[in-house]
Amino acid sequence: MNFSAYRITWVELRPTTGYKMTKADANKCGAIVRQVRYHNGYGYKHFASRERALEWLKTHHSLSKVYECRLFTDKQFGMARASTGYAIPFTSKQYSEVFYVG
């Protein structure tokens, strides 16, 4: 498999209620939660390809909250800066393509 910063796909899990992902939900779905100073408290999970990420999103998840999910590349993850509050620079197409789990 060829790994590339443009092929590796991340999923951002934003809670629809509250402001951060719970630790229990993060453990259930294997996500990394950024809760350090200046981070947003959203969950992030990475996959080797977009197809695997979409396959994971379609599976049934029994989480305590409902999460809004967006897909983005590893390159975009690396472009997040402290000056923007570590916000991912989504494209307009990525921002409009939303999936829900939970």
PDB file of N, CA and C in Angstrom:
ATOM      1  N   MET A   1       0.837  -1.170   0.000  1.00  0.00           N
ATOM      2  CA  MET A   1       0.000   0.000   0.000  1.00  0.00           C
ATOM      3  C   MET A   1       0.892   1.247   0.000  1.00  0.00           C
ATOM      4  N   ASN A   2       0.525   2.215  -0.786  1.00  0.00           N
ATOM      5  CA  ASN A   2       1.282   3.454  -0.902  1.00  0.00           C
ATOM      6  C   ASN A   2       0.715   4.500   0.051  1.00  0.00           C
ATOM      7  N   PHE A   3       1.514   4.906   1.043  1.00  0.00           N
ATOM      8  CA  PHE A   3       1.062   5.916   1.989  1.00  0.00           C
ATOM      9  C   PHE A   3       1.491   7.290   1.516  1.00  0.00           C
ATOM     10  N   SER A   4       0.573   8.218   1.576  1.00  0.00           N
ATOM     11  CA  SER A   4       0.822   9.582   1.142  1.00  0.00           C
ATOM     12  C   SER A   4       0.012  10.518   2.032  1.00  0.00           C
ATOM     13  N   ALA A   5       0.499  11.736   2.196  1.00  0.00           N
ATOM     14  CA  ALA A   5      -0.216  12.722   3.008  1.00  0.00           C
ATOM     15  C   ALA A   5      -1.565  13.076   2.391  1.00  0.00           C
ATOM     16  N   TYR A   6      -1.717  12.803   1.106  1.00  0.00           N
ATOM     17  CA  TYR A   6      -2.982  13.095   0.437  1.00  0.00           C
ATOM     18  C   TYR A   6      -3.905  11.880   0.385  1.00  0.00           C
ATOM     19  N   ARG A   7      -3.393  10.692   0.713  1.00  0.00           N
ATOM     20  CA  ARG A   7      -4.194   9.471   0.690  1.00  0.00           C
ATOM     21  C   ARG A   7      -4.721   9.115   2.078  1.00  0.00           C
ATOM     22  N   ILE A   8      -3.922   9.353   3.115  1.00  0.00           N
ATOM     23  CA  ILE A   8      -4.355   9.065   4.486  1.00  0.00           C
ATOM     24  C   ILE A   8      -5.506  10.006   4.824  1.00  0.00           C
ATOM     25  N   THR A   9      -6.569   9.442   5.337  1.00  0.00           N
ATOM     26  CA  THR A   9      -7.790  10.204   5.618  1.00  0.00           C
ATOM     27  C   THR A   9      -8.071  10.236   7.110  1.00  0.00           C
ATOM     28  N   TRP A  10      -8.441  11.396   7.593  1.00  0.00           N
ATOM     29  CA  TRP A  10      -8.834  11.587   8.986  1.00  0.00           C
ATOM     30  C   TRP A  10     -10.328  11.876   9.032  1.00  0.00           C
ATOM     31  N   VAL A  11     -10.954  11.510  10.140  1.00  0.00           N
ATOM     32  CA  VAL A  11     -12.353  11.839  10.404  1.00  0.00           C
ATOM     33  C   VAL A  11     -12.372  12.724  11.644  1.00  0.00           C
ATOM     34  N   GLU A  12     -13.004  13.885  11.524  1.00  0.00           N
ATOM     35  CA  GLU A  12     -13.189  14.762  12.681  1.00  0.00           C
ATOM     36  C   GLU A  12     -14.578  14.501  13.240  1.00  0.00           C
ATOM     37  N   LEU A  13     -14.660  14.207  14.524  1.00  0.00           N
ATOM     38  CA  LEU A  13     -15.936  13.932  15.193  1.00  0.00           C
ATOM     39  C   LEU A  13     -16.261  15.116  16.106  1.00  0.00           C
ATOM     40  N   ARG A  14     -17.242  15.914  15.699  1.00  0.00           N
ATOM     41  CA  ARG A  14     -17.675  17.071  16.486  1.00  0.00           C
ATOM     42  C   ARG A  14     -18.984  16.729  17.180  1.00  0.00           C
ATOM     43  N   PRO A  15     -19.059  16.901  18.490  1.00  0.00           N
ATOM     44  CA  PRO A  15     -20.331  16.614  19.169  1.00  0.00           C
ATOM     45  C   PRO A  15     -21.400  17.639  18.784  1.00  0.00           C
ATOM     46  N   THR A  16     -22.621  17.157  18.574  1.00  0.00           N
ATOM     47  CA  THR A  16     -23.712  18.077  18.235  1.00  0.00           C
ATOM     48  C   THR A  16     -24.246  18.748  19.491  1.00  0.00           C
ATOM     49  N   THR A  17     -24.017  18.143  20.662  1.00  0.00           N
ATOM     50  CA  THR A  17     -24.365  18.759  21.939  1.00  0.00           C
ATOM     51  C   THR A  17     -23.110  18.807  22.800  1.00  0.00           C
ATOM     52  N   GLY A  18     -22.958  19.861  23.565  1.00  0.00           N
ATOM     53  CA  GLY A  18     -21.747  20.016  24.354  1.00  0.00           C
ATOM     54  C   GLY A  18     -20.621  20.537  23.491  1.00  0.00           C
ATOM     55  N   TYR A  19     -19.439  20.626  24.067  1.00  0.00           N
ATOM     56  CA  TYR A  19     -18.327  21.186  23.306  1.00  0.00           C
ATOM     57  C   TYR A  19     -17.149  20.251  23.130  1.00  0.00           C
ATOM     58  N   LYS A  20     -17.192  19.044  23.732  1.00  0.00           N
ATOM     59  CA  LYS A  20     -16.087  18.113  23.520  1.00  0.00           C
ATOM     60  C   LYS A  20     -16.577  16.673  23.528  1.00  0.00           C
ATOM     61  N   MET A  21     -15.785  15.817  22.928  1.00  0.00           N
ATOM     62  CA  MET A  21     -16.079  14.395  22.867  1.00  0.00           C
ATOM     63  C   MET A  21     -15.809  13.781  24.234  1.00  0.00           C
ATOM     64  N   THR A  22     -16.682  12.883  24.664  1.00  0.00           N
ATOM     65  CA  THR A  22     -16.473  12.236  25.952  1.00  0.00           C
ATOM     66  C   THR A  22     -15.364  11.190  25.847  1.00  0.00           C
ATOM     67  N   LYS A  23     -14.701  10.932  26.958  1.00  0.00           N
ATOM     68  CA  LYS A  23     -13.626   9.939  26.974  1.00  0.00           C
ATOM     69  C   LYS A  23     -14.173   8.541  26.681  1.00  0.00           C
ATOM     70  N   ALA A  24     -15.366   8.253  27.185  1.00  0.00           N
ATOM     71  CA  ALA A  24     -15.979   6.939  26.947  1.00  0.00           C
ATOM     72  C   ALA A  24     -16.253   6.730  25.456  1.00  0.00           C
ATOM     73  N   ASP A  25     -16.782   7.757  24.790  1.00  0.00           N
ATOM     74  CA  ASP A  25     -17.039   7.646  23.352  1.00  0.00           C
ATOM     75  C   ASP A  25     -15.741   7.521  22.575  1.00  0.00           C
ATOM     76  N   ALA A  26     -14.713   8.243  22.996  1.00  0.00           N
ATOM     77  CA  ALA A  26     -13.412   8.158  22.323  1.00  0.00           C
ATOM     78  C   ALA A  26     -12.838   6.751  22.435  1.00  0.00           C
ATOM     79  N   ASN A  27     -12.986   6.141  23.596  1.00  0.00           N
ATOM     80  CA  ASN A  27     -12.493   4.770  23.779  1.00  0.00           C
ATOM     81  C   ASN A  27     -13.282   3.766  22.946  1.00  0.00           C
ATOM     82  N   LYS A  28     -14.600   3.964  22.834  1.00  0.00           N
ATOM     83  CA  LYS A  28     -15.438   3.042  22.061  1.00  0.00           C
ATOM     84  C   LYS A  28     -15.079   3.051  20.576  1.00  0.00           C
ATOM     85  N   CYS A  29     -14.806   4.227  20.035  1.00  0.00           N
ATOM     86  CA  CYS A  29     -14.546   4.281  18.595  1.00  0.00           C
ATOM     87  C   CYS A  29     -13.059   4.419  18.262  1.00  0.00           C
ATOM     88  N   GLY A  30     -12.195   4.445  19.256  1.00  0.00           N
ATOM     89  CA  GLY A  30     -10.760   4.489  19.006  1.00  0.00           C
ATOM     90  C   GLY A  30     -10.268   5.816  18.474  1.00  0.00           C
ATOM     91  N   ALA A  31     -10.872   6.900  18.926  1.00  0.00           N
ATOM     92  CA  ALA A  31     -10.502   8.235  18.435  1.00  0.00           C
ATOM     93  C   ALA A  31      -9.522   8.909  19.386  1.00  0.00           C
ATOM     94  N   ILE A  32      -8.763   9.841  18.852  1.00  0.00           N
ATOM     95  CA  ILE A  32      -7.865  10.682  19.626  1.00  0.00           C
ATOM     96  C   ILE A  32      -8.628  11.966  19.929  1.00  0.00           C
ATOM     97  N   VAL A  33      -8.630  12.400  21.180  1.00  0.00           N
ATOM     98  CA  VAL A  33      -9.330  13.630  21.539  1.00  0.00           C
ATOM     99  C   VAL A  33      -8.298  14.689  21.870  1.00  0.00           C
ATOM    100  N   ARG A  34      -8.416  15.824  21.201  1.00  0.00           N
ATOM    101  CA  ARG A  34      -7.497  16.936  21.445  1.00  0.00           C
ATOM    102  C   ARG A  34      -8.133  17.854  22.489  1.00  0.00           C
ATOM    103  N   GLN A  35      -7.670  17.754  23.728  1.00  0.00           N
ATOM    104  CA  GLN A  35      -8.216  18.581  24.791  1.00  0.00           C
ATOM    105  C   GLN A  35      -7.129  19.391  25.484  1.00  0.00           C
ATOM    106  N   VAL A  36      -6.017  19.553  24.850  1.00  0.00           N
ATOM    107  CA  VAL A  36      -4.921  20.335  25.394  1.00  0.00           C
ATOM    108  C   VAL A  36      -5.261  21.810  25.199  1.00  0.00           C
ATOM    109  N   ARG A  37      -4.565  22.683  25.871  1.00  0.00           N
ATOM    110  CA  ARG A  37      -4.800  24.123  25.738  1.00  0.00           C
ATOM    111  C   ARG A  37      -4.827  24.528  24.269  1.00  0.00           C
ATOM    112  N   TYR A  38      -5.775  25.338  23.889  1.00  0.00           N
ATOM    113  CA  TYR A  38      -5.997  25.852  22.534  1.00  0.00           C
ATOM    114  C   TYR A  38      -6.551  24.809  21.569  1.00  0.00           C
ATOM    115  N   HIS A  39      -6.799  23.593  22.008  1.00  0.00           N
ATOM    116  CA  HIS A  39      -7.416  22.597  21.139  1.00  0.00           C
ATOM    117  C   HIS A  39      -8.911  22.592  21.376  1.00  0.00           C
ATOM    118  N   ASN A  40      -9.640  22.039  20.454  1.00  0.00           N
ATOM    119  CA  ASN A  40     -11.086  22.175  20.440  1.00  0.00           C
ATOM    120  C   ASN A  40     -11.863  21.079  21.154  1.00  0.00           C
ATOM    121  N   GLY A  41     -11.265  19.980  21.544  1.00  0.00           N
ATOM    122  CA  GLY A  41     -11.992  18.905  22.217  1.00  0.00           C
ATOM    123  C   GLY A  41     -12.748  17.976  21.288  1.00  0.00           C
ATOM    124  N   TYR A  42     -12.523  18.089  19.980  1.00  0.00           N
ATOM    125  CA  TYR A  42     -13.146  17.188  19.019  1.00  0.00           C
ATOM    126  C   TYR A  42     -12.344  15.890  18.974  1.00  0.00           C
ATOM    127  N   GLY A  43     -12.975  14.837  18.440  1.00  0.00           N
ATOM    128  CA  GLY A  43     -12.296  13.570  18.271  1.00  0.00           C
ATOM    129  C   GLY A  43     -11.753  13.440  16.857  1.00  0.00           C
ATOM    130  N   TYR A  44     -10.620  12.753  16.712  1.00  0.00           N
ATOM    131  CA  TYR A  44      -9.999  12.533  15.401  1.00  0.00           C
ATOM    132  C   TYR A  44      -9.605  11.078  15.279  1.00  0.00           C
ATOM    133  N   LYS A  45      -9.905  10.482  14.142  1.00  0.00           N
ATOM    134  CA  LYS A  45      -9.558   9.087  13.867  1.00  0.00           C
ATOM    135  C   LYS A  45      -8.990   9.020  12.455  1.00  0.00           C
ATOM    136  N   HIS A  46      -7.898   8.274  12.284  1.00  0.00           N
ATOM    137  CA  HIS A  46      -7.274   8.204  10.954  1.00  0.00           C
ATOM    138  C   HIS A  46      -7.424   6.828  10.329  1.00  0.00           C
ATOM    139  N   PHE A  47      -7.390   6.833   8.998  1.00  0.00           N
ATOM    140  CA  PHE A  47      -7.537   5.616   8.190  1.00  0.00           C
ATOM    141  C   PHE A  47      -6.534   5.663   7.051  1.00  0.00           C
ATOM    142  N   ALA A  48      -6.220   4.496   6.503  1.00  0.00           N
ATOM    143  CA  ALA A  48      -5.258   4.419   5.405  1.00  0.00           C
ATOM    144  C   ALA A  48      -5.824   4.962   4.096  1.00  0.00           C
ATOM    145  N   SER A  49      -7.151   4.994   3.963  1.00  0.00           N
ATOM    146  CA  SER A  49      -7.759   5.500   2.733  1.00  0.00           C
ATOM    147  C   SER A  49      -9.149   6.062   3.021  1.00  0.00           C
ATOM    148  N   ARG A  50      -9.665   6.814   2.073  1.00  0.00           N
ATOM    149  CA  ARG A  50     -11.008   7.388   2.195  1.00  0.00           C
ATOM    150  C   ARG A  50     -12.067   6.286   2.221  1.00  0.00           C
ATOM    151  N   GLU A  51     -11.847   5.230   1.452  1.00  0.00           N
ATOM    152  CA  GLU A  51     -12.802   4.130   1.390  1.00  0.00           C
ATOM    153  C   GLU A  51     -12.966   3.467   2.751  1.00  0.00           C
ATOM    154  N   ARG A  52     -11.859   3.271   3.457  1.00  0.00           N
ATOM    155  CA  ARG A  52     -11.930   2.660   4.789  1.00  0.00           C
ATOM    156  C   ARG A  52     -12.620   3.586   5.785  1.00  0.00           C
ATOM    157  N   ALA A  53     -12.398   4.876   5.654  1.00  0.00           N
ATOM    158  CA  ALA A  53     -13.058   5.840   6.536  1.00  0.00           C
ATOM    159  C   ALA A  53     -14.567   5.818   6.302  1.00  0.00           C
ATOM    160  N   LEU A  54     -14.991   5.799   5.044  1.00  0.00           N
ATOM    161  CA  LEU A  54     -16.419   5.755   4.732  1.00  0.00           C
ATOM    162  C   LEU A  54     -17.048   4.457   5.227  1.00  0.00           C
ATOM    163  N   GLU A  55     -16.307   3.362   5.104  1.00  0.00           N
ATOM    164  CA  GLU A  55     -16.789   2.066   5.585  1.00  0.00           C
ATOM    165  C   GLU A  55     -16.987   2.112   7.103  1.00  0.00           C
ATOM    166  N   TRP A  56     -16.066   2.737   7.827  1.00  0.00           N
ATOM    167  CA  TRP A  56     -16.177   2.871   9.278  1.00  0.00           C
ATOM    168  C   TRP A  56     -17.376   3.744   9.657  1.00  0.00           C
ATOM    169  N   LEU A  57     -17.614   4.808   8.903  1.00  0.00           N
ATOM    170  CA  LEU A  57     -18.736   5.702   9.193  1.00  0.00           C
ATOM    171  C   LEU A  57     -20.083   5.012   8.998  1.00  0.00           C
ATOM    172  N   LYS A  58     -20.140   4.046   8.099  1.00  0.00           N
ATOM    173  CA  LYS A  58     -21.407   3.358   7.809  1.00  0.00           C
ATOM    174  C   LYS A  58     -21.735   2.275   8.826  1.00  0.00           C
ATOM    175  N   THR A  59     -20.770   1.868   9.646  1.00  0.00           N
ATOM    176  CA  THR A  59     -21.037   0.851  10.651  1.00  0.00           C
ATOM    177  C   THR A  59     -21.829   1.463  11.800  1.00  0.00           C
ATOM    178  N   HIS A  60     -22.523   0.640  12.528  1.00  0.00           N
ATOM    179  CA  HIS A  60     -23.357   1.105  13.636  1.00  0.00           C
ATOM    180  C   HIS A  60     -22.475   1.427  14.845  1.00  0.00           C
ATOM    181  N   HIS A  61     -22.665   2.600  15.405  1.00  0.00           N
ATOM    182  CA  HIS A  61     -21.905   3.013  16.585  1.00  0.00           C
ATOM    183  C   HIS A  61     -22.885   3.296  17.717  1.00  0.00           C
ATOM    184  N   SER A  62     -22.622   2.750  18.887  1.00  0.00           N
ATOM    185  CA  SER A  62     -23.481   3.019  20.047  1.00  0.00           C
ATOM    186  C   SER A  62     -22.729   3.980  20.971  1.00  0.00           C
ATOM    187  N   LEU A  63     -22.823   5.262  20.675  1.00  0.00           N
ATOM    188  CA  LEU A  63     -22.137   6.288  21.443  1.00  0.00           C
ATOM    189  C   LEU A  63     -23.152   7.074  22.266  1.00  0.00           C
ATOM    190  N   SER A  64     -22.689   7.742  23.308  1.00  0.00           N
ATOM    191  CA  SER A  64     -23.602   8.480  24.185  1.00  0.00           C
ATOM    192  C   SER A  64     -24.082   9.788  23.574  1.00  0.00           C
ATOM    193  N   LYS A  65     -23.345  10.329  22.613  1.00  0.00           N
ATOM    194  CA  LYS A  65     -23.723  11.563  21.926  1.00  0.00           C
ATOM    195  C   LYS A  65     -23.789  11.309  20.430  1.00  0.00           C
ATOM    196  N   VAL A  66     -24.381  12.247  19.714  1.00  0.00           N
ATOM    197  CA  VAL A  66     -24.373  12.209  18.252  1.00  0.00           C
ATOM    198  C   VAL A  66     -23.237  13.122  17.805  1.00  0.00           C
ATOM    199  N   TYR A  67     -22.453  12.633  16.841  1.00  0.00           N
ATOM    200  CA  TYR A  67     -21.290  13.383  16.356  1.00  0.00           C
ATOM    201  C   TYR A  67     -21.428  13.698  14.873  1.00  0.00           C
ATOM    202  N   GLU A  68     -21.063  14.917  14.539  1.00  0.00           N
ATOM    203  CA  GLU A  68     -21.019  15.389  13.148  1.00  0.00           C
ATOM    204  C   GLU A  68     -19.616  15.083  12.647  1.00  0.00           C
ATOM    205  N   CYS A  69     -19.491  14.366  11.541  1.00  0.00           N
ATOM    206  CA  CYS A  69     -18.186  13.910  11.051  1.00  0.00           C
ATOM    207  C   CYS A  69     -17.865  14.508   9.688  1.00  0.00           C
ATOM    208  N   ARG A  70     -16.618  14.896   9.531  1.00  0.00           N
ATOM    209  CA  ARG A  70     -16.117  15.384   8.244  1.00  0.00           C
ATOM    210  C   ARG A  70     -14.797  14.691   7.949  1.00  0.00           C
ATOM    211  N   LEU A  71     -14.565  14.410   6.669  1.00  0.00           N
ATOM    212  CA  LEU A  71     -13.336  13.749   6.225  1.00  0.00           C
ATOM    213  C   LEU A  71     -12.348  14.787   5.708  1.00  0.00           C
ATOM    214  N   PHE A  72     -11.059  14.547   5.963  1.00  0.00           N
ATOM    215  CA  PHE A  72     -10.019  15.420   5.439  1.00  0.00           C
ATOM    216  C   PHE A  72      -8.710  14.635   5.350  1.00  0.00           C
ATOM    217  N   THR A  73      -7.727  15.193   4.670  1.00  0.00           N
ATOM    218  CA  THR A  73      -6.466  14.490   4.421  1.00  0.00           C
ATOM    219  C   THR A  73      -5.448  14.750   5.536  1.00  0.00           C
ATOM    220  N   ASP A  74      -4.418  13.925   5.550  1.00  0.00           N
ATOM    221  CA  ASP A  74      -3.339  14.071   6.513  1.00  0.00           C
ATOM    222  C   ASP A  74      -2.600  15.398   6.296  1.00  0.00           C
ATOM    223  N   LYS A  75      -2.507  15.827   5.061  1.00  0.00           N
ATOM    224  CA  LYS A  75      -1.872  17.102   4.737  1.00  0.00           C
ATOM    225  C   LYS A  75      -2.620  18.256   5.407  1.00  0.00           C
ATOM    226  N   GLN A  76      -3.952  18.220   5.358  1.00  0.00           N
ATOM    227  CA  GLN A  76      -4.762  19.254   5.995  1.00  0.00           C
ATOM    228  C   GLN A  76      -4.605  19.214   7.511  1.00  0.00           C
ATOM    229  N   PHE A  77      -4.458  18.013   8.068  1.00  0.00           N
ATOM    230  CA  PHE A  77      -4.258  17.873   9.505  1.00  0.00           C
ATOM    231  C   PHE A  77      -2.959  18.574   9.914  1.00  0.00           C
ATOM    232  N   GLY A  78      -1.939  18.429   9.095  1.00  0.00           N
ATOM    233  CA  GLY A  78      -0.663  19.084   9.362  1.00  0.00           C
ATOM    234  C   GLY A  78      -0.694  20.586   9.152  1.00  0.00           C
ATOM    235  N   MET A  79      -1.679  21.089   8.425  1.00  0.00           N
ATOM    236  CA  MET A  79      -1.790  22.524   8.168  1.00  0.00           C
ATOM    237  C   MET A  79      -2.515  23.271   9.288  1.00  0.00           C
ATOM    238  N   ALA A  80      -3.062  22.575  10.252  1.00  0.00           N
ATOM    239  CA  ALA A  80      -3.750  23.224  11.376  1.00  0.00           C
ATOM    240  C   ALA A  80      -2.717  23.942  12.227  1.00  0.00           C
ATOM    241  N   ARG A  81      -2.953  25.203  12.518  1.00  0.00           N
ATOM    242  CA  ARG A  81      -2.005  26.039  13.245  1.00  0.00           C
ATOM    243  C   ARG A  81      -2.626  26.614  14.515  1.00  0.00           C
ATOM    244  N   ALA A  82      -1.779  26.959  15.467  1.00  0.00           N
ATOM    245  CA  ALA A  82      -2.234  27.535  16.734  1.00  0.00           C
ATOM    246  C   ALA A  82      -2.934  28.865  16.523  1.00  0.00           C
ATOM    247  N   SER A  83      -2.515  29.623  15.522  1.00  0.00           N
ATOM    248  CA  SER A  83      -3.112  30.939  15.287  1.00  0.00           C
ATOM    249  C   SER A  83      -4.589  30.845  14.893  1.00  0.00           C
ATOM    250  N   THR A  84      -5.006  29.696  14.375  1.00  0.00           N
ATOM    251  CA  THR A  84      -6.418  29.503  14.006  1.00  0.00           C
ATOM    252  C   THR A  84      -7.140  28.605  15.002  1.00  0.00           C
ATOM    253  N   GLY A  85      -6.528  28.360  16.171  1.00  0.00           N
ATOM    254  CA  GLY A  85      -7.149  27.478  17.160  1.00  0.00           C
ATOM    255  C   GLY A  85      -7.110  26.025  16.748  1.00  0.00           C
ATOM    256  N   TYR A  86      -6.129  25.670  15.926  1.00  0.00           N
ATOM    257  CA  TYR A  86      -5.965  24.319  15.394  1.00  0.00           C
ATOM    258  C   TYR A  86      -7.185  23.851  14.610  1.00  0.00           C
ATOM    259  N   ALA A  87      -7.847  24.782  13.951  1.00  0.00           N
ATOM    260  CA  ALA A  87      -8.981  24.427  13.082  1.00  0.00           C
ATOM    261  C   ALA A  87      -8.452  23.804  11.796  1.00  0.00           C
ATOM    262  N   ILE A  88      -9.108  22.765  11.344  1.00  0.00           N
ATOM    263  CA  ILE A  88      -8.728  22.093  10.108  1.00  0.00           C
ATOM    264  C   ILE A  88      -9.173  22.970   8.935  1.00  0.00           C
ATOM    265  N   PRO A  89      -8.296  23.221   7.962  1.00  0.00           N
ATOM    266  CA  PRO A  89      -8.689  24.034   6.800  1.00  0.00           C
ATOM    267  C   PRO A  89      -9.483  23.215   5.780  1.00  0.00           C
ATOM    268  N   PHE A  90     -10.773  23.027   6.056  1.00  0.00           N
ATOM    269  CA  PHE A  90     -11.635  22.258   5.162  1.00  0.00           C
ATOM    270  C   PHE A  90     -11.874  23.017   3.860  1.00  0.00           C
ATOM    271  N   THR A  91     -12.033  22.262   2.771  1.00  0.00           N
ATOM    272  CA  THR A  91     -12.487  22.857   1.518  1.00  0.00           C
ATOM    273  C   THR A  91     -14.000  23.025   1.623  1.00  0.00           C
ATOM    274  N   SER A  92     -14.598  23.803   0.727  1.00  0.00           N
ATOM    275  CA  SER A  92     -16.048  24.010   0.784  1.00  0.00           C
ATOM    276  C   SER A  92     -16.798  22.698   0.550  1.00  0.00           C
ATOM    277  N   LYS A  93     -16.258  21.836  -0.306  1.00  0.00           N
ATOM    278  CA  LYS A  93     -16.886  20.540  -0.556  1.00  0.00           C
ATOM    279  C   LYS A  93     -16.823  19.661   0.697  1.00  0.00           C
ATOM    280  N   GLN A  94     -15.675  19.648   1.370  1.00  0.00           N
ATOM    281  CA  GLN A  94     -15.539  18.852   2.585  1.00  0.00           C
ATOM    282  C   GLN A  94     -16.441  19.391   3.689  1.00  0.00           C
ATOM    283  N   TYR A  95     -16.551  20.700   3.778  1.00  0.00           N
ATOM    284  CA  TYR A  95     -17.381  21.298   4.831  1.00  0.00           C
ATOM    285  C   TYR A  95     -18.855  20.979   4.628  1.00  0.00           C
ATOM    286  N   SER A  96     -19.280  20.860   3.375  1.00  0.00           N
ATOM    287  CA  SER A  96     -20.696  20.562   3.111  1.00  0.00           C
ATOM    288  C   SER A  96     -21.012  19.071   3.197  1.00  0.00           C
ATOM    289  N   GLU A  97     -20.003  18.205   3.090  1.00  0.00           N
ATOM    290  CA  GLU A  97     -20.198  16.759   3.164  1.00  0.00           C
ATOM    291  C   GLU A  97     -20.110  16.309   4.633  1.00  0.00           C
ATOM    292  N   VAL A  98     -21.258  16.096   5.258  1.00  0.00           N
ATOM    293  CA  VAL A  98     -21.326  15.783   6.684  1.00  0.00           C
ATOM    294  C   VAL A  98     -21.953  14.409   6.882  1.00  0.00           C
ATOM    295  N   PHE A  99     -21.373  13.636   7.792  1.00  0.00           N
ATOM    296  CA  PHE A  99     -21.916  12.346   8.196  1.00  0.00           C
ATOM    297  C   PHE A  99     -22.209  12.414   9.682  1.00  0.00           C
ATOM    298  N   TYR A 100     -23.165  11.623  10.152  1.00  0.00           N
ATOM    299  CA  TYR A 100     -23.519  11.620  11.571  1.00  0.00           C
ATOM    300  C   TYR A 100     -23.373  10.207  12.121  1.00  0.00           C
ATOM    301  N   VAL A 101     -22.743  10.081  13.299  1.00  0.00           N
ATOM    302  CA  VAL A 101     -22.623   8.793  14.002  1.00  0.00           C
ATOM    303  C   VAL A 101     -23.103   9.009  15.427  1.00  0.00           C
ATOM    304  N   GLY A 102     -23.529   7.926  16.037  1.00  0.00           N
ATOM    305  CA  GLY A 102     -23.927   8.005  17.439  1.00  0.00           C
ATOM    306  C   GLY A 102     -25.276   7.612  17.708  1.00  0.00           C
TER     307      GLY A 102
END
